N, C-alpha and C. Protein backbone atom coordinates (compact mmCIF):
# COMPACT_ATOMS: atom_id res chain seq x y z
N MET A 1 -35.06 76.80 -7.11
CA MET A 1 -35.18 75.64 -6.24
C MET A 1 -36.65 75.36 -5.96
N ALA A 2 -36.99 74.08 -5.90
CA ALA A 2 -38.37 73.68 -5.65
C ALA A 2 -38.76 74.00 -4.20
N LYS A 3 -40.06 74.15 -3.99
CA LYS A 3 -40.53 74.41 -2.64
C LYS A 3 -40.21 73.22 -1.75
N LYS A 4 -39.90 73.50 -0.51
CA LYS A 4 -39.54 72.44 0.42
C LYS A 4 -40.70 71.49 0.65
N SER A 5 -41.93 71.99 0.53
CA SER A 5 -43.09 71.13 0.73
C SER A 5 -43.18 70.05 -0.35
N TRP A 6 -42.81 70.40 -1.60
CA TRP A 6 -42.84 69.41 -2.69
C TRP A 6 -41.77 68.35 -2.46
N ILE A 7 -40.60 68.79 -2.02
CA ILE A 7 -39.50 67.85 -1.79
C ILE A 7 -39.85 66.90 -0.65
N SER A 8 -40.37 67.44 0.44
CA SER A 8 -40.72 66.60 1.58
C SER A 8 -41.88 65.68 1.25
N ARG A 9 -42.82 66.13 0.44
CA ARG A 9 -43.95 65.29 0.03
C ARG A 9 -43.45 64.10 -0.78
N ASN A 10 -42.49 64.34 -1.66
CA ASN A 10 -41.95 63.25 -2.47
C ASN A 10 -41.18 62.25 -1.60
N LYS A 11 -40.47 62.74 -0.58
CA LYS A 11 -39.77 61.85 0.34
C LYS A 11 -40.75 61.00 1.14
N ARG A 12 -41.86 61.61 1.54
CA ARG A 12 -42.89 60.88 2.27
C ARG A 12 -43.49 59.78 1.40
N LYS A 13 -43.72 60.10 0.13
CA LYS A 13 -44.23 59.10 -0.80
C LYS A 13 -43.24 57.95 -0.96
N GLY A 14 -41.95 58.27 -0.99
CA GLY A 14 -40.93 57.23 -1.10
C GLY A 14 -40.94 56.29 0.09
N ARG A 15 -41.11 56.85 1.28
CA ARG A 15 -41.18 56.00 2.48
C ARG A 15 -42.42 55.11 2.43
N THR A 16 -43.53 55.64 1.94
CA THR A 16 -44.77 54.86 1.85
C THR A 16 -44.61 53.73 0.84
N VAL A 17 -43.95 54.00 -0.27
CA VAL A 17 -43.71 52.96 -1.29
C VAL A 17 -42.88 51.83 -0.69
N GLU A 18 -41.82 52.18 0.05
CA GLU A 18 -40.97 51.16 0.68
C GLU A 18 -41.75 50.35 1.70
N LYS A 19 -42.60 51.02 2.46
CA LYS A 19 -43.37 50.36 3.51
C LYS A 19 -44.30 49.28 2.95
N TYR A 20 -44.94 49.57 1.82
CA TYR A 20 -45.94 48.67 1.27
C TYR A 20 -45.42 47.83 0.10
N ALA A 21 -44.13 47.85 -0.19
CA ALA A 21 -43.59 47.16 -1.36
C ALA A 21 -43.84 45.65 -1.31
N LYS A 22 -43.52 45.03 -0.19
CA LYS A 22 -43.70 43.58 -0.08
C LYS A 22 -45.18 43.20 -0.16
N LEU A 23 -46.01 43.95 0.52
CA LEU A 23 -47.45 43.66 0.51
C LEU A 23 -48.02 43.82 -0.89
N ARG A 24 -47.59 44.87 -1.60
CA ARG A 24 -48.05 45.08 -2.98
C ARG A 24 -47.63 43.93 -3.89
N ALA A 25 -46.39 43.48 -3.73
CA ALA A 25 -45.90 42.37 -4.54
C ALA A 25 -46.70 41.10 -4.27
N LYS A 26 -47.00 40.87 -3.01
CA LYS A 26 -47.78 39.69 -2.63
C LYS A 26 -49.19 39.75 -3.21
N LEU A 27 -49.84 40.91 -3.08
CA LEU A 27 -51.19 41.06 -3.62
C LEU A 27 -51.21 40.94 -5.14
N LYS A 28 -50.19 41.46 -5.80
CA LYS A 28 -50.12 41.35 -7.26
C LYS A 28 -49.92 39.91 -7.68
N ALA A 29 -49.08 39.16 -6.94
CA ALA A 29 -48.85 37.76 -7.26
C ALA A 29 -50.13 36.94 -7.11
N GLU A 30 -50.93 37.28 -6.11
CA GLU A 30 -52.21 36.59 -5.88
C GLU A 30 -53.32 37.12 -6.78
N LYS A 31 -53.02 38.18 -7.54
CA LYS A 31 -54.01 38.85 -8.39
C LYS A 31 -55.22 39.34 -7.58
N ASP A 32 -54.92 39.82 -6.37
CA ASP A 32 -55.95 40.36 -5.49
C ASP A 32 -56.04 41.87 -5.71
N TYR A 33 -56.77 42.27 -6.74
CA TYR A 33 -56.84 43.68 -7.10
C TYR A 33 -57.74 44.46 -6.14
N ALA A 34 -58.67 43.78 -5.51
CA ALA A 34 -59.50 44.45 -4.49
C ALA A 34 -58.63 44.84 -3.30
N GLY A 35 -57.70 43.96 -2.94
CA GLY A 35 -56.78 44.26 -1.85
C GLY A 35 -55.83 45.40 -2.20
N LEU A 36 -55.43 45.46 -3.46
CA LEU A 36 -54.55 46.54 -3.90
C LEU A 36 -55.25 47.89 -3.80
N THR A 37 -56.54 47.92 -4.08
CA THR A 37 -57.26 49.19 -4.02
C THR A 37 -57.43 49.67 -2.57
N MET A 38 -57.29 48.76 -1.63
CA MET A 38 -57.43 49.15 -0.22
C MET A 38 -56.16 49.84 0.31
N LEU A 39 -55.05 49.67 -0.40
CA LEU A 39 -53.81 50.31 0.03
C LEU A 39 -53.87 51.81 -0.25
N PRO A 40 -53.03 52.58 0.43
CA PRO A 40 -53.00 54.03 0.15
C PRO A 40 -52.53 54.31 -1.28
N ARG A 41 -52.99 55.41 -1.82
CA ARG A 41 -52.60 55.79 -3.18
C ARG A 41 -51.11 55.95 -3.32
N ASP A 42 -50.50 56.55 -2.31
CA ASP A 42 -49.06 56.84 -2.38
C ASP A 42 -48.20 55.59 -2.24
N ALA A 43 -48.81 54.41 -2.06
CA ALA A 43 -48.05 53.17 -1.99
C ALA A 43 -47.62 52.71 -3.37
N SER A 44 -48.17 53.31 -4.41
CA SER A 44 -47.82 52.95 -5.77
C SER A 44 -46.52 53.64 -6.19
N PRO A 45 -45.56 52.90 -6.74
CA PRO A 45 -44.29 53.52 -7.13
C PRO A 45 -44.44 54.55 -8.26
N THR A 46 -45.52 54.49 -9.01
CA THR A 46 -45.68 55.45 -10.10
C THR A 46 -46.00 56.85 -9.57
N ARG A 47 -46.34 56.96 -8.31
CA ARG A 47 -46.62 58.27 -7.72
C ARG A 47 -45.34 59.05 -7.39
N LEU A 48 -44.20 58.35 -7.39
CA LEU A 48 -42.92 59.02 -7.11
C LEU A 48 -42.48 59.83 -8.31
N VAL A 49 -41.79 60.92 -8.04
CA VAL A 49 -41.29 61.79 -9.09
C VAL A 49 -39.77 61.86 -8.95
N ASN A 50 -39.06 61.75 -10.07
CA ASN A 50 -37.61 61.94 -10.03
C ASN A 50 -37.32 63.41 -9.81
N ARG A 51 -36.58 63.71 -8.76
CA ARG A 51 -36.24 65.09 -8.45
C ARG A 51 -34.74 65.25 -8.29
N CYS A 52 -34.25 66.42 -8.65
CA CYS A 52 -32.83 66.75 -8.53
C CYS A 52 -32.44 66.68 -7.05
N GLU A 53 -31.29 66.03 -6.78
CA GLU A 53 -30.81 65.92 -5.40
C GLU A 53 -30.41 67.27 -4.83
N VAL A 54 -29.99 68.19 -5.69
CA VAL A 54 -29.47 69.48 -5.23
C VAL A 54 -30.58 70.51 -5.10
N THR A 55 -31.37 70.68 -6.16
CA THR A 55 -32.36 71.76 -6.17
C THR A 55 -33.80 71.29 -6.00
N GLY A 56 -34.09 70.02 -6.25
CA GLY A 56 -35.46 69.54 -6.14
C GLY A 56 -36.26 69.70 -7.41
N ARG A 57 -35.62 70.20 -8.47
CA ARG A 57 -36.31 70.39 -9.75
C ARG A 57 -36.70 69.04 -10.33
N ARG A 58 -37.90 68.96 -10.93
CA ARG A 58 -38.36 67.70 -11.47
C ARG A 58 -38.24 67.59 -12.98
N ARG A 59 -38.12 68.70 -13.66
CA ARG A 59 -38.00 68.66 -15.11
C ARG A 59 -36.53 68.64 -15.52
N GLY A 60 -36.24 68.00 -16.63
CA GLY A 60 -34.87 67.93 -17.12
C GLY A 60 -33.98 67.09 -16.22
N TYR A 61 -34.52 65.99 -15.70
CA TYR A 61 -33.81 65.14 -14.74
C TYR A 61 -32.92 64.14 -15.47
N LEU A 62 -31.66 64.04 -15.07
CA LEU A 62 -30.73 63.06 -15.62
C LEU A 62 -30.57 61.93 -14.61
N ARG A 63 -31.08 60.74 -14.94
CA ARG A 63 -31.06 59.62 -14.00
C ARG A 63 -29.66 59.21 -13.58
N ARG A 64 -28.75 59.22 -14.52
CA ARG A 64 -27.39 58.75 -14.23
C ARG A 64 -26.72 59.56 -13.13
N PHE A 65 -27.01 60.86 -13.10
CA PHE A 65 -26.37 61.74 -12.13
C PHE A 65 -27.33 62.18 -11.01
N LYS A 66 -28.61 61.83 -11.11
CA LYS A 66 -29.63 62.17 -10.11
C LYS A 66 -29.73 63.68 -9.89
N MET A 67 -29.63 64.43 -11.00
CA MET A 67 -29.77 65.88 -10.88
C MET A 67 -30.34 66.43 -12.17
N SER A 68 -30.79 67.67 -12.10
CA SER A 68 -31.38 68.32 -13.27
C SER A 68 -30.27 68.74 -14.23
N ARG A 69 -30.67 69.00 -15.46
CA ARG A 69 -29.70 69.36 -16.50
C ARG A 69 -28.98 70.66 -16.15
N ILE A 70 -29.69 71.59 -15.51
CA ILE A 70 -29.10 72.88 -15.19
C ILE A 70 -28.02 72.73 -14.11
N THR A 71 -28.35 71.99 -13.05
CA THR A 71 -27.39 71.74 -11.99
C THR A 71 -26.20 70.95 -12.51
N PHE A 72 -26.50 69.97 -13.36
CA PHE A 72 -25.43 69.15 -13.95
C PHE A 72 -24.46 70.02 -14.72
N ARG A 73 -24.99 70.93 -15.53
CA ARG A 73 -24.11 71.77 -16.35
C ARG A 73 -23.25 72.69 -15.48
N GLU A 74 -23.86 73.26 -14.44
CA GLU A 74 -23.10 74.14 -13.55
C GLU A 74 -21.96 73.39 -12.87
N LEU A 75 -22.28 72.22 -12.31
CA LEU A 75 -21.26 71.46 -11.59
C LEU A 75 -20.20 70.91 -12.54
N ALA A 76 -20.62 70.49 -13.74
CA ALA A 76 -19.65 69.97 -14.71
C ALA A 76 -18.72 71.07 -15.19
N SER A 77 -19.23 72.28 -15.36
CA SER A 77 -18.39 73.39 -15.81
C SER A 77 -17.33 73.76 -14.78
N HIS A 78 -17.68 73.58 -13.50
CA HIS A 78 -16.73 73.88 -12.43
C HIS A 78 -15.83 72.68 -12.10
N GLY A 79 -16.03 71.56 -12.81
CA GLY A 79 -15.21 70.37 -12.58
C GLY A 79 -15.54 69.64 -11.31
N MET A 80 -16.77 69.76 -10.84
CA MET A 80 -17.17 69.14 -9.58
C MET A 80 -17.65 67.69 -9.76
N ILE A 81 -17.91 67.27 -11.00
CA ILE A 81 -18.38 65.91 -11.26
C ILE A 81 -17.22 65.12 -11.87
N PRO A 82 -16.74 64.08 -11.19
CA PRO A 82 -15.59 63.33 -11.69
C PRO A 82 -15.91 62.62 -13.01
N GLY A 83 -14.97 62.68 -13.94
CA GLY A 83 -15.11 61.95 -15.20
C GLY A 83 -15.90 62.69 -16.26
N VAL A 84 -16.41 63.87 -15.96
CA VAL A 84 -17.20 64.62 -16.93
C VAL A 84 -16.37 65.79 -17.43
N THR A 85 -16.21 65.85 -18.74
CA THR A 85 -15.48 66.97 -19.34
C THR A 85 -16.32 67.58 -20.45
N LYS A 86 -16.07 68.82 -20.73
CA LYS A 86 -16.78 69.50 -21.81
C LYS A 86 -16.20 69.01 -23.13
N SER A 87 -17.08 68.57 -24.00
CA SER A 87 -16.58 68.05 -25.28
C SER A 87 -16.39 69.18 -26.28
N SER A 88 -15.43 68.99 -27.17
CA SER A 88 -15.22 69.94 -28.25
C SER A 88 -14.71 69.16 -29.45
N TRP A 89 -15.19 69.52 -30.63
CA TRP A 89 -14.74 68.85 -31.85
C TRP A 89 -14.69 69.78 -33.01
């Protein structure tokens, strides 16, 4: 599991992105790049990291299920994810 500080830092970045989203869109539409540089760094959506909802792991992230491949496999094997079955051929 990821450290709680990394998870909370990513959540804080998400709140900052939401806070400045309209202002960023307005500045981009006006092509005011000087104004964009005055905003906080964490206001940029590219600073966000996709993290597993269960463990906080950032690598091997599956967007469709919002979890890492390891967590996905564990939950799918136990039948905890609806509609997911182990394939065999």
